[in-house]
Amino acid sequence: MYKINGLKQSLRLPVIGAPMFTISNPNLVISQCKSGIIGSFPALNAREPEDLDKWIREIKSALLDFEKNNPDKKAAPFAVNQICHKSNIRLYKDLETCVKHEVPIIISSVGAPNEIVDTVHSYGGKVFHDVINIKHAKKAADLGVDGLILVCAGAGGHGGTLSPFALLREVKEWFEGIIILSGAIADGYTIASSIALGADLVYIGSRFITTIEANANKVYKKMIVDSSAEDIVYTSYFSGIHGNYLKQSIINSGLDPDNLPIGDKKQTNFNRKEKPKTWKDIWGSGQGIGRINNITTVEKTVVEMEKEFNLAISDLDKKIKLV
């Protein structure tokens, strides 16, 4: 079990199941937390504010029952992702719901978490904010966030371009909070590498898209299993913000993945009633999918990553002793 400074519960693996738009749901989050890793979902996945209240109640109830029925086990905490972009008119209503339920961790993204930090800290919650560069990292740190999610090259969805070796080591020079690393992390070896680099936790999304519990259709899941890093396209065309997407989903939509126009940030909109086409037909994914070769449960996925993680540490220990 892994104890992270600032978190009450220990974790089976130092992993956060990243919040994935349209994909993360209570079933996935509950399964992740039961398996000993932090589960999360975007607040906007709940279609209406009232649904968010129901989702949080469902998650808390399921985890409480799990611990009652398994007194020797402790569920990992869960997190709710809040979009700080000005177009998200639900932000304050959704944040109010999270405060009411004292959600353990709030993941803030796409904008500065100006009023989120003090609000979440008022009940003892933690705020992790995702960033793609030093400028944004320092701004979030100045606001008092508890953790920084460093979204580096190769991350699924709205990923950055910096190498984790560069961004993480620079941030470690001045940030004393929790550091979460994101970018092409999909197995136990990359988890171990991230921890060795100085991360406290890692962010894994794509690996969980292919779980049975994930709210992704079979074609999407199979496309990830059949794809590798070279099948990922980095573009701003679809949402106005640069992100990584599956090449085949772009082709299937009748577009040329090698000739996509530059996107306009004005098209970014987090307040649509319908699921935006970007996530309905154009599917996000990180570069780490070459290590994903089957569709299985969250528990089996975590077990496999745990074995890989321990092997990675053992292999490194042997190599160090040989030096």
C-alpha atoms as a PDB file:
ATOM      1  CA  MET A   1       0.000   0.000   0.000  1.00  0.00           C
ATOM      2  CA  TYR A   2       1.208   3.500  -0.793  1.00  0.00           C
ATOM      3  CA  LYS A   3       0.769   6.452   1.520  1.00  0.00           C
ATOM      4  CA  ILE A   4       0.702   9.845  -0.192  1.00  0.00           C
ATOM      5  CA  ASN A   5       1.382  12.866   2.008  1.00  0.00           C
ATOM      6  CA  GLY A   6      -1.813  14.885   2.289  1.00  0.00           C
ATOM      7  CA  LEU A   7      -4.189  11.989   1.582  1.00  0.00           C
ATOM      8  CA  LYS A   8      -5.959  10.173   4.384  1.00  0.00           C
ATOM      9  CA  GLN A   9      -6.224   6.795   2.687  1.00  0.00           C
ATOM     10  CA  SER A  10      -3.398   4.605   1.473  1.00  0.00           C
ATOM     11  CA  LEU A  11      -3.545   3.381  -2.116  1.00  0.00           C
ATOM     12  CA  ARG A  12      -2.874   0.003  -3.681  1.00  0.00           C
ATOM     13  CA  LEU A  13      -1.044   1.802  -6.474  1.00  0.00           C
ATOM     14  CA  PRO A  14      -0.130   5.510  -6.726  1.00  0.00           C
ATOM     15  CA  VAL A  15      -2.697   6.006  -9.491  1.00  0.00           C
ATOM     16  CA  ILE A  16      -5.583   8.324 -10.315  1.00  0.00           C
ATOM     17  CA  GLY A  17      -8.034   7.061 -12.909  1.00  0.00           C
ATOM     18  CA  ALA A  18      -8.262  10.229 -15.013  1.00  0.00           C
ATOM     19  CA  PRO A  19     -11.706  11.833 -15.502  1.00  0.00           C
ATOM     20  CA  MET A  20     -12.745  11.150 -19.097  1.00  0.00           C
ATOM     21  CA  PHE A  21     -15.528  13.091 -20.798  1.00  0.00           C
ATOM     22  CA  THR A  22     -18.561  10.847 -21.573  1.00  0.00           C
ATOM     23  CA  ILE A  23     -16.607   7.752 -20.441  1.00  0.00           C
ATOM     24  CA  SER A  24     -16.174   8.039 -16.666  1.00  0.00           C
ATOM     25  CA  ASN A  25     -19.344   7.139 -14.765  1.00  0.00           C
ATOM     26  CA  PRO A  26     -20.214   5.979 -11.236  1.00  0.00           C
ATOM     27  CA  ASN A  27     -19.701   2.325 -12.155  1.00  0.00           C
ATOM     28  CA  LEU A  28     -16.156   2.980 -13.370  1.00  0.00           C
ATOM     29  CA  VAL A  29     -15.290   5.235 -10.412  1.00  0.00           C
ATOM     30  CA  ILE A  30     -16.655   2.783  -7.855  1.00  0.00           C
ATOM     31  CA  SER A  31     -14.681  -0.071  -9.415  1.00  0.00           C
ATOM     32  CA  GLN A  32     -11.485   1.987  -9.433  1.00  0.00           C
ATOM     33  CA  CYS A  33     -11.865   2.990  -5.778  1.00  0.00           C
ATOM     34  CA  LYS A  34     -12.645  -0.589  -4.748  1.00  0.00           C
ATOM     35  CA  SER A  35      -9.503  -1.701  -6.584  1.00  0.00           C
ATOM     36  CA  GLY A  36      -7.399   0.667  -4.509  1.00  0.00           C
ATOM     37  CA  ILE A  37      -6.799   3.578  -6.885  1.00  0.00           C
ATOM     38  CA  ILE A  38      -8.403   7.027  -6.970  1.00  0.00           C
ATOM     39  CA  GLY A  39     -11.404   7.092  -9.300  1.00  0.00           C
ATOM     40  CA  SER A  40     -12.696  10.289 -10.865  1.00  0.00           C
ATOM     41  CA  PHE A  41     -15.265  11.680 -13.286  1.00  0.00           C
ATOM     42  CA  PRO A  42     -16.064  15.065 -14.879  1.00  0.00           C
ATOM     43  CA  ALA A  43     -19.009  16.800 -13.214  1.00  0.00           C
ATOM     44  CA  LEU A  44     -20.408  17.513 -16.682  1.00  0.00           C
ATOM     45  CA  ASN A  45     -20.743  13.791 -17.387  1.00  0.00           C
ATOM     46  CA  ALA A  46     -23.811  14.019 -15.174  1.00  0.00           C
ATOM     47  CA  ARG A  47     -26.222  15.541 -17.672  1.00  0.00           C
ATOM     48  CA  GLU A  48     -27.920  17.871 -15.175  1.00  0.00           C
ATOM     49  CA  PRO A  49     -26.858  19.323 -11.789  1.00  0.00           C
ATOM     50  CA  GLU A  50     -29.437  17.087 -10.105  1.00  0.00           C
ATOM     51  CA  ASP A  51     -27.797  14.052 -11.672  1.00  0.00           C
ATOM     52  CA  LEU A  52     -24.445  15.031 -10.174  1.00  0.00           C
ATOM     53  CA  ASP A  53     -25.999  14.863  -6.717  1.00  0.00           C
ATOM     54  CA  LYS A  54     -27.315  11.358  -7.490  1.00  0.00           C
ATOM     55  CA  TRP A  55     -23.985  10.200  -8.855  1.00  0.00           C
ATOM     56  CA  ILE A  56     -22.053  11.318  -5.780  1.00  0.00           C
ATOM     57  CA  ARG A  57     -24.614   9.705  -3.477  1.00  0.00           C
ATOM     58  CA  GLU A  58     -24.342   6.466  -5.461  1.00  0.00           C
ATOM     59  CA  ILE A  59     -20.542   6.448  -5.267  1.00  0.00           C
ATOM     60  CA  LYS A  60     -20.406   7.229  -1.542  1.00  0.00           C
ATOM     61  CA  SER A  61     -23.053   4.623  -0.731  1.00  0.00           C
ATOM     62  CA  ALA A  62     -21.345   1.896  -2.776  1.00  0.00           C
ATOM     63  CA  LEU A  63     -17.938   2.560  -1.217  1.00  0.00           C
ATOM     64  CA  LEU A  64     -19.408   2.625   2.287  1.00  0.00           C
ATOM     65  CA  ASP A  65     -21.110  -0.738   1.668  1.00  0.00           C
ATOM     66  CA  PHE A  66     -17.859  -2.130   0.259  1.00  0.00           C
ATOM     67  CA  GLU A  67     -15.943  -1.220   3.421  1.00  0.00           C
ATOM     68  CA  LYS A  68     -18.693  -2.583   5.683  1.00  0.00           C
ATOM     69  CA  ASN A  69     -18.664  -5.892   3.823  1.00  0.00           C
ATOM     70  CA  ASN A  70     -14.867  -5.975   3.659  1.00  0.00           C
ATOM     71  CA  PRO A  71     -13.595  -4.752   7.051  1.00  0.00           C
ATOM     72  CA  ASP A  72     -10.005  -5.621   6.099  1.00  0.00           C
ATOM     73  CA  LYS A  73     -10.108  -3.355   3.039  1.00  0.00           C
ATOM     74  CA  LYS A  74     -10.319   0.393   2.545  1.00  0.00           C
ATOM     75  CA  ALA A  75     -11.693   2.007  -0.597  1.00  0.00           C
ATOM     76  CA  ALA A  76      -9.580   4.712  -2.208  1.00  0.00           C
ATOM     77  CA  PRO A  77     -10.999   8.271  -2.287  1.00  0.00           C
ATOM     78  CA  PHE A  78     -12.801   9.597  -5.359  1.00  0.00           C
ATOM     79  CA  ALA A  79     -12.521  12.877  -7.219  1.00  0.00           C
ATOM     80  CA  VAL A  80     -14.780  15.126  -9.280  1.00  0.00           C
ATOM     81  CA  ASN A  81     -13.388  17.140 -12.177  1.00  0.00           C
ATOM     82  CA  GLN A  82     -14.607  20.730 -12.469  1.00  0.00           C
ATOM     83  CA  ILE A  83     -14.063  22.715 -15.678  1.00  0.00           C
ATOM     84  CA  CYS A  84     -13.092  26.301 -14.844  1.00  0.00           C
ATOM     85  CA  HIS A  85     -13.648  27.642 -18.361  1.00  0.00           C
ATOM     86  CA  LYS A  86     -16.012  30.629 -18.486  1.00  0.00           C
ATOM     87  CA  SER A  87     -18.446  28.751 -20.734  1.00  0.00           C
ATOM     88  CA  ASN A  88     -19.182  26.266 -17.942  1.00  0.00           C
ATOM     89  CA  ILE A  89     -22.182  28.006 -16.386  1.00  0.00           C
ATOM     90  CA  ARG A  90     -22.771  24.983 -14.141  1.00  0.00           C
ATOM     91  CA  LEU A  91     -19.480  25.388 -12.272  1.00  0.00           C
ATOM     92  CA  TYR A  92     -20.766  27.072  -9.113  1.00  0.00           C
ATOM     93  CA  LYS A  93     -23.885  24.939  -8.873  1.00  0.00           C
ATOM     94  CA  ASP A  94     -21.829  21.766  -9.308  1.00  0.00           C
ATOM     95  CA  LEU A  95     -19.223  22.992  -6.842  1.00  0.00           C
ATOM     96  CA  GLU A  96     -21.986  23.634  -4.317  1.00  0.00           C
ATOM     97  CA  THR A  97     -23.060  20.000  -4.687  1.00  0.00           C
ATOM     98  CA  CYS A  98     -19.496  18.791  -4.168  1.00  0.00           C
ATOM     99  CA  VAL A  99     -19.174  20.895  -1.021  1.00  0.00           C
ATOM    100  CA  LYS A 100     -22.436  19.501   0.332  1.00  0.00           C
ATOM    101  CA  HIS A 101     -21.095  15.965  -0.070  1.00  0.00           C
ATOM    102  CA  GLU A 102     -17.550  16.921   0.975  1.00  0.00           C
ATOM    103  CA  VAL A 103     -16.013  15.315  -2.109  1.00  0.00           C
ATOM    104  CA  PRO A 104     -12.456  14.336  -1.044  1.00  0.00           C
ATOM    105  CA  ILE A 105     -10.675  15.633  -4.151  1.00  0.00           C
ATOM    106  CA  ILE A 106     -11.604  18.226  -6.754  1.00  0.00           C
ATOM    107  CA  ILE A 107      -9.682  18.149 -10.023  1.00  0.00           C
ATOM    108  CA  SER A 108      -9.806  21.567 -11.664  1.00  0.00           C
ATOM    109  CA  SER A 109      -8.930  22.143 -15.311  1.00  0.00           C
ATOM    110  CA  VAL A 110      -9.234  24.464 -18.330  1.00  0.00           C
ATOM    111  CA  GLY A 111      -8.829  27.772 -16.527  1.00  0.00           C
ATOM    112  CA  ALA A 112      -7.660  29.065 -13.145  1.00  0.00           C
ATOM    113  CA  PRO A 113      -9.313  27.587 -10.011  1.00  0.00           C
ATOM    114  CA  ASN A 114      -9.738  31.045  -8.501  1.00  0.00           C
ATOM    115  CA  GLU A 115     -12.643  30.425  -6.131  1.00  0.00           C
ATOM    116  CA  ILE A 116     -12.408  26.655  -5.955  1.00  0.00           C
ATOM    117  CA  VAL A 117      -9.419  26.319  -3.640  1.00  0.00           C
ATOM    118  CA  ASP A 118     -10.756  28.150  -0.573  1.00  0.00           C
ATOM    119  CA  THR A 119     -14.191  26.593  -1.027  1.00  0.00           C
ATOM    120  CA  VAL A 120     -12.850  23.036  -1.097  1.00  0.00           C
ATOM    121  CA  HIS A 121     -10.375  23.689   1.693  1.00  0.00           C
ATOM    122  CA  SER A 122     -13.256  24.872   3.888  1.00  0.00           C
ATOM    123  CA  TYR A 123     -14.300  21.258   4.503  1.00  0.00           C
ATOM    124  CA  GLY A 124     -10.836  19.692   4.304  1.00  0.00           C
ATOM    125  CA  GLY A 125     -10.924  18.651   0.648  1.00  0.00           C
ATOM    126  CA  LYS A 126      -7.977  18.699  -1.739  1.00  0.00           C
ATOM    127  CA  VAL A 127      -7.636  20.497  -5.076  1.00  0.00           C
ATOM    128  CA  PHE A 128      -5.495  19.097  -7.874  1.00  0.00           C
ATOM    129  CA  HIS A 129      -5.128  21.329 -10.927  1.00  0.00           C
ATOM    130  CA  ASP A 130      -3.956  20.205 -14.341  1.00  0.00           C
ATOM    131  CA  VAL A 131      -1.341  22.239 -16.200  1.00  0.00           C
ATOM    132  CA  ILE A 132       0.757  21.908 -19.348  1.00  0.00           C
ATOM    133  CA  ASN A 133       3.550  24.398 -18.618  1.00  0.00           C
ATOM    134  CA  ILE A 134       5.457  26.243 -15.888  1.00  0.00           C
ATOM    135  CA  LYS A 135       3.453  29.462 -16.289  1.00  0.00           C
ATOM    136  CA  HIS A 136       0.161  27.739 -15.528  1.00  0.00           C
ATOM    137  CA  ALA A 137       1.750  25.627 -12.798  1.00  0.00           C
ATOM    138  CA  LYS A 138       3.025  28.672 -10.901  1.00  0.00           C
ATOM    139  CA  LYS A 139      -0.308  30.455 -11.255  1.00  0.00           C
ATOM    140  CA  ALA A 140      -2.158  27.477  -9.785  1.00  0.00           C
ATOM    141  CA  ALA A 141       0.418  27.073  -7.020  1.00  0.00           C
ATOM    142  CA  ASP A 142       0.004  30.733  -6.074  1.00  0.00           C
ATOM    143  CA  LEU A 143      -3.722  30.087  -5.650  1.00  0.00           C
ATOM    144  CA  GLY A 144      -2.930  27.385  -3.083  1.00  0.00           C
ATOM    145  CA  VAL A 145      -3.759  24.144  -4.882  1.00  0.00           C
ATOM    146  CA  ASP A 146      -2.710  20.970  -3.081  1.00  0.00           C
ATOM    147  CA  GLY A 147      -1.463  19.193  -6.164  1.00  0.00           C
ATOM    148  CA  LEU A 148      -0.403  19.839  -9.743  1.00  0.00           C
ATOM    149  CA  ILE A 149      -1.299  17.444 -12.534  1.00  0.00           C
ATOM    150  CA  LEU A 150       1.467  17.782 -15.114  1.00  0.00           C
ATOM    151  CA  VAL A 151      -0.157  16.952 -18.439  1.00  0.00           C
ATOM    152  CA  CYS A 152       2.837  16.113 -20.602  1.00  0.00           C
ATOM    153  CA  ALA A 153       3.435  14.920 -24.157  1.00  0.00           C
ATOM    154  CA  GLY A 154       1.435  11.859 -25.119  1.00  0.00           C
ATOM    155  CA  ALA A 155      -1.471  12.378 -22.720  1.00  0.00           C
ATOM    156  CA  GLY A 156      -4.943  11.569 -23.999  1.00  0.00           C
ATOM    157  CA  GLY A 157      -7.461  14.320 -24.597  1.00  0.00           C
ATOM    158  CA  HIS A 158      -6.159  17.859 -24.082  1.00  0.00           C
ATOM    159  CA  GLY A 159      -2.501  17.004 -23.621  1.00  0.00           C
ATOM    160  CA  GLY A 160       0.567  19.206 -23.539  1.00  0.00           C
ATOM    161  CA  THR A 161       3.809  19.002 -25.499  1.00  0.00           C
ATOM    162  CA  LEU A 162       6.541  19.109 -22.848  1.00  0.00           C
ATOM    163  CA  SER A 163       8.590  16.085 -21.876  1.00  0.00           C
ATOM    164  CA  PRO A 164       7.836  14.790 -18.377  1.00  0.00           C
ATOM    165  CA  PHE A 165      11.594  14.792 -17.716  1.00  0.00           C
ATOM    166  CA  ALA A 166      11.665  18.543 -18.278  1.00  0.00           C
ATOM    167  CA  LEU A 167       8.380  19.683 -16.729  1.00  0.00           C
ATOM    168  CA  LEU A 168       8.375  17.478 -13.640  1.00  0.00           C
ATOM    169  CA  ARG A 169      11.963  18.171 -12.656  1.00  0.00           C
ATOM    170  CA  GLU A 170      11.482  21.934 -13.075  1.00  0.00           C
ATOM    171  CA  VAL A 171       8.311  21.920 -10.980  1.00  0.00           C
ATOM    172  CA  LYS A 172      10.019  19.855  -8.260  1.00  0.00           C
ATOM    173  CA  GLU A 173      12.511  22.695  -7.767  1.00  0.00           C
ATOM    174  CA  TRP A 174       9.899  25.004  -6.246  1.00  0.00           C
ATOM    175  CA  PHE A 175       6.598  23.129  -5.644  1.00  0.00           C
ATOM    176  CA  GLU A 176       6.247  21.218  -2.366  1.00  0.00           C
ATOM    177  CA  GLY A 177       2.729  19.873  -2.910  1.00  0.00           C
ATOM    178  CA  ILE A 178       1.558  16.650  -4.525  1.00  0.00           C
ATOM    179  CA  ILE A 179       2.762  16.100  -8.086  1.00  0.00           C
ATOM    180  CA  ILE A 180       0.700  13.958 -10.429  1.00  0.00           C
ATOM    181  CA  LEU A 181       2.238  12.984 -13.763  1.00  0.00           C
ATOM    182  CA  SER A 182       0.231  12.434 -16.942  1.00  0.00           C
ATOM    183  CA  GLY A 183       1.287  11.396 -20.435  1.00  0.00           C
ATOM    184  CA  ALA A 184       1.420   7.927 -22.075  1.00  0.00           C
ATOM    185  CA  ILE A 185       1.337   6.138 -18.698  1.00  0.00           C
ATOM    186  CA  ALA A 186      -0.468   2.845 -19.239  1.00  0.00           C
ATOM    187  CA  ASP A 187       1.298   0.063 -17.331  1.00  0.00           C
ATOM    188  CA  GLY A 188       3.196  -0.717 -14.144  1.00  0.00           C
ATOM    189  CA  TYR A 189       6.570   0.046 -15.705  1.00  0.00           C
ATOM    190  CA  THR A 190       5.584   3.598 -16.605  1.00  0.00           C
ATOM    191  CA  ILE A 191       4.035   4.050 -13.151  1.00  0.00           C
ATOM    192  CA  ALA A 192       7.317   2.994 -11.526  1.00  0.00           C
ATOM    193  CA  SER A 193       9.292   5.247 -13.881  1.00  0.00           C
ATOM    194  CA  SER A 194       7.106   8.211 -12.948  1.00  0.00           C
ATOM    195  CA  ILE A 195       7.594   7.630  -9.227  1.00  0.00           C
ATOM    196  CA  ALA A 196      11.364   7.300  -9.739  1.00  0.00           C
ATOM    197  CA  LEU A 197      11.291  10.625 -11.608  1.00  0.00           C
ATOM    198  CA  GLY A 198       9.741  12.316  -8.580  1.00  0.00           C
ATOM    199  CA  ALA A 199       5.968  12.090  -9.058  1.00  0.00           C
ATOM    200  CA  ASP A 200       3.730  11.247  -6.101  1.00  0.00           C
ATOM    201  CA  LEU A 201       0.892   9.925  -8.257  1.00  0.00           C
ATOM    202  CA  VAL A 202       0.224   9.199 -11.903  1.00  0.00           C
ATOM    203  CA  TYR A 203      -2.799   9.931 -14.064  1.00  0.00           C
ATOM    204  CA  ILE A 204      -4.065   7.061 -16.242  1.00  0.00           C
ATOM    205  CA  GLY A 205      -6.969   7.441 -18.654  1.00  0.00           C
ATOM    206  CA  SER A 206      -6.748   5.416 -21.857  1.00  0.00           C
ATOM    207  CA  ARG A 207      -5.969   2.124 -20.088  1.00  0.00           C
ATOM    208  CA  PHE A 208      -9.371   2.341 -18.390  1.00  0.00           C
ATOM    209  CA  ILE A 209     -11.335   3.094 -21.570  1.00  0.00           C
ATOM    210  CA  THR A 210     -10.971  -0.577 -22.462  1.00  0.00           C
ATOM    211  CA  THR A 211     -12.426  -1.780 -19.179  1.00  0.00           C
ATOM    212  CA  ILE A 212     -15.868  -3.350 -19.083  1.00  0.00           C
ATOM    213  CA  GLU A 213     -17.062  -0.695 -16.640  1.00  0.00           C
ATOM    214  CA  ALA A 214     -16.177   2.264 -18.886  1.00  0.00           C
ATOM    215  CA  ASN A 215     -18.968   4.049 -20.759  1.00  0.00           C
ATOM    216  CA  ALA A 216     -17.347   3.645 -24.187  1.00  0.00           C
ATOM    217  CA  ASN A 217     -18.802   1.660 -27.070  1.00  0.00           C
ATOM    218  CA  LYS A 218     -17.242  -1.603 -28.246  1.00  0.00           C
ATOM    219  CA  VAL A 219     -15.879  -0.072 -31.456  1.00  0.00           C
ATOM    220  CA  TYR A 220     -13.996   2.582 -29.453  1.00  0.00           C
ATOM    221  CA  LYS A 221     -12.558  -0.013 -27.089  1.00  0.00           C
ATOM    222  CA  LYS A 222     -11.486  -2.331 -29.897  1.00  0.00           C
ATOM    223  CA  MET A 223      -9.905   0.562 -31.798  1.00  0.00           C
ATOM    224  CA  ILE A 224      -7.683   1.284 -28.784  1.00  0.00           C
ATOM    225  CA  VAL A 225      -6.698  -2.378 -28.488  1.00  0.00           C
ATOM    226  CA  ASP A 226      -5.829  -2.457 -32.200  1.00  0.00           C
ATOM    227  CA  SER A 227      -3.885   0.833 -32.179  1.00  0.00           C
ATOM    228  CA  SER A 228      -0.454   2.026 -31.051  1.00  0.00           C
ATOM    229  CA  ALA A 229       1.358   5.316 -30.431  1.00  0.00           C
ATOM    230  CA  GLU A 230       1.727   6.048 -34.144  1.00  0.00           C
ATOM    231  CA  ASP A 231      -2.062   5.995 -34.481  1.00  0.00           C
ATOM    232  CA  ILE A 232      -2.487   9.121 -32.334  1.00  0.00           C
ATOM    233  CA  VAL A 233      -3.053  12.542 -33.908  1.00  0.00           C
ATOM    234  CA  TYR A 234      -2.337  15.771 -32.002  1.00  0.00           C
ATOM    235  CA  THR A 235      -4.589  18.592 -33.217  1.00  0.00           C
ATOM    236  CA  SER A 236      -6.593  21.635 -32.091  1.00  0.00           C
ATOM    237  CA  TYR A 237      -9.140  21.253 -34.898  1.00  0.00           C
ATOM    238  CA  PHE A 238     -11.904  19.512 -32.984  1.00  0.00           C
ATOM    239  CA  SER A 239     -12.256  21.545 -29.782  1.00  0.00           C
ATOM    240  CA  GLY A 240     -10.070  24.604 -30.233  1.00  0.00           C
ATOM    241  CA  ILE A 241      -7.605  23.172 -27.698  1.00  0.00           C
ATOM    242  CA  HIS A 242      -4.809  20.823 -28.747  1.00  0.00           C
ATOM    243  CA  GLY A 243      -5.491  17.225 -27.910  1.00  0.00           C
ATOM    244  CA  ASN A 244      -4.632  13.634 -28.837  1.00  0.00           C
ATOM    245  CA  TYR A 245      -7.145  11.573 -30.826  1.00  0.00           C
ATOM    246  CA  LEU A 246      -7.352   8.174 -32.483  1.00  0.00           C
ATOM    247  CA  LYS A 247      -6.426   8.476 -36.156  1.00  0.00           C
ATOM    248  CA  GLN A 248      -8.911   5.810 -37.254  1.00  0.00           C
ATOM    249  CA  SER A 249     -11.836   7.647 -35.659  1.00  0.00           C
ATOM    250  CA  ILE A 250     -10.873  10.732 -37.665  1.00  0.00           C
ATOM    251  CA  ILE A 251     -10.718   8.678 -40.867  1.00  0.00           C
ATOM    252  CA  ASN A 252     -14.066   7.047 -40.087  1.00  0.00           C
ATOM    253  CA  SER A 253     -15.593  10.525 -39.860  1.00  0.00           C
ATOM    254  CA  GLY A 254     -14.508  11.264 -43.431  1.00  0.00           C
ATOM    255  CA  LEU A 255     -11.578  13.527 -42.532  1.00  0.00           C
ATOM    256  CA  ASP A 256      -7.907  13.417 -43.475  1.00  0.00           C
ATOM    257  CA  PRO A 257      -5.890  13.172 -40.229  1.00  0.00           C
ATOM    258  CA  ASP A 258      -2.805  14.506 -42.016  1.00  0.00           C
ATOM    259  CA  ASN A 259      -4.537  17.659 -43.261  1.00  0.00           C
ATOM    260  CA  LEU A 260      -6.622  19.111 -40.435  1.00  0.00           C
ATOM    261  CA  PRO A 261      -7.075  22.901 -40.121  1.00  0.00           C
ATOM    262  CA  ILE A 262      -5.985  24.738 -36.970  1.00  0.00           C
ATOM    263  CA  GLY A 263      -8.812  24.967 -34.450  1.00  0.00           C
ATOM    264  CA  ASP A 264     -10.234  28.154 -32.958  1.00  0.00           C
ATOM    265  CA  LYS A 265     -10.459  28.517 -29.166  1.00  0.00           C
ATOM    266  CA  LYS A 266     -13.780  30.302 -29.678  1.00  0.00           C
ATOM    267  CA  GLN A 267     -15.325  26.923 -30.466  1.00  0.00           C
ATOM    268  CA  THR A 268     -14.556  25.634 -26.962  1.00  0.00           C
ATOM    269  CA  ASN A 269     -17.888  25.114 -25.230  1.00  0.00           C
ATOM    270  CA  PHE A 270     -18.560  23.148 -22.061  1.00  0.00           C
ATOM    271  CA  ASN A 271     -22.252  23.997 -21.823  1.00  0.00           C
ATOM    272  CA  ARG A 272     -23.818  21.927 -24.601  1.00  0.00           C
ATOM    273  CA  LYS A 273     -26.875  19.831 -23.861  1.00  0.00           C
ATOM    274  CA  GLU A 274     -25.834  17.179 -26.373  1.00  0.00           C
ATOM    275  CA  LYS A 275     -22.588  15.271 -26.306  1.00  0.00           C
ATOM    276  CA  PRO A 276     -20.286  17.232 -28.608  1.00  0.00           C
ATOM    277  CA  LYS A 277     -19.283  15.496 -31.835  1.00  0.00           C
ATOM    278  CA  THR A 278     -15.665  15.730 -30.758  1.00  0.00           C
ATOM    279  CA  TRP A 279     -16.192  13.051 -28.129  1.00  0.00           C
ATOM    280  CA  LYS A 280     -19.063  11.195 -29.780  1.00  0.00           C
ATOM    281  CA  ASP A 281     -17.375  10.408 -33.098  1.00  0.00           C
ATOM    282  CA  ILE A 282     -13.808  11.668 -32.681  1.00  0.00           C
ATOM    283  CA  TRP A 283     -12.261   9.660 -29.875  1.00  0.00           C
ATOM    284  CA  GLY A 284      -9.512  10.791 -27.534  1.00  0.00           C
ATOM    285  CA  SER A 285      -6.607   8.577 -26.531  1.00  0.00           C
ATOM    286  CA  GLY A 286      -3.059   8.817 -25.228  1.00  0.00           C
ATOM    287  CA  GLN A 287       0.106   7.492 -26.815  1.00  0.00           C
ATOM    288  CA  GLY A 288       0.488   4.682 -24.264  1.00  0.00           C
ATOM    289  CA  ILE A 289      -2.131   2.470 -25.908  1.00  0.00           C
ATOM    290  CA  GLY A 290       0.441   0.161 -27.485  1.00  0.00           C
ATOM    291  CA  ARG A 291       0.516  -1.653 -24.120  1.00  0.00           C
ATOM    292  CA  ILE A 292      -3.245  -2.242 -24.110  1.00  0.00           C
ATOM    293  CA  ASN A 293      -4.141  -5.599 -25.613  1.00  0.00           C
ATOM    294  CA  ASN A 294      -7.495  -6.648 -24.194  1.00  0.00           C
ATOM    295  CA  ILE A 295     -10.868  -5.562 -22.832  1.00  0.00           C
ATOM    296  CA  THR A 296     -11.226  -6.566 -19.212  1.00  0.00           C
ATOM    297  CA  THR A 297     -12.408  -5.393 -15.791  1.00  0.00           C
ATOM    298  CA  VAL A 298     -10.946  -2.575 -13.720  1.00  0.00           C
ATOM    299  CA  GLU A 299      -9.859  -5.017 -11.010  1.00  0.00           C
ATOM    300  CA  LYS A 300      -7.956  -7.241 -13.467  1.00  0.00           C
ATOM    301  CA  THR A 301      -6.376  -4.160 -15.013  1.00  0.00           C
ATOM    302  CA  VAL A 302      -5.144  -2.930 -11.624  1.00  0.00           C
ATOM    303  CA  VAL A 303      -3.865  -6.417 -10.723  1.00  0.00           C
ATOM    304  CA  GLU A 304      -1.872  -6.542 -13.959  1.00  0.00           C
ATOM    305  CA  MET A 305      -0.443  -3.058 -13.448  1.00  0.00           C
ATOM    306  CA  GLU A 306       0.477  -3.957  -9.863  1.00  0.00           C
ATOM    307  CA  LYS A 307       2.431  -7.009 -11.059  1.00  0.00           C
ATOM    308  CA  GLU A 308       4.216  -4.899 -13.683  1.00  0.00           C
ATOM    309  CA  PHE A 309       4.951  -2.208 -11.107  1.00  0.00           C
ATOM    310  CA  ASN A 310       6.566  -4.706  -8.732  1.00  0.00           C
ATOM    311  CA  LEU A 311       8.554  -6.286 -11.575  1.00  0.00           C
ATOM    312  CA  ALA A 312       9.815  -2.857 -12.649  1.00  0.00           C
ATOM    313  CA  ILE A 313      11.040  -2.111  -9.119  1.00  0.00           C
ATOM    314  CA  SER A 314      12.636  -5.556  -8.827  1.00  0.00           C
ATOM    315  CA  ASP A 315      14.388  -5.202 -12.187  1.00  0.00           C
ATOM    316  CA  LEU A 316      15.720  -1.771 -11.264  1.00  0.00           C
ATOM    317  CA  ASP A 317      16.952  -3.049  -7.908  1.00  0.00           C
ATOM    318  CA  LYS A 318      18.866  -5.851  -9.622  1.00  0.00           C
ATOM    319  CA  LYS A 319      20.459  -3.439 -12.117  1.00  0.00           C
ATOM    320  CA  ILE A 320      21.509  -1.052  -9.362  1.00  0.00           C
ATOM    321  CA  LYS A 321      23.153  -3.898  -7.449  1.00  0.00           C
ATOM    322  CA  LEU A 322      25.109  -4.859 -10.556  1.00  0.00           C
ATOM    323  CA  VAL A 323      26.604  -1.384 -10.884  1.00  0.00           C
END
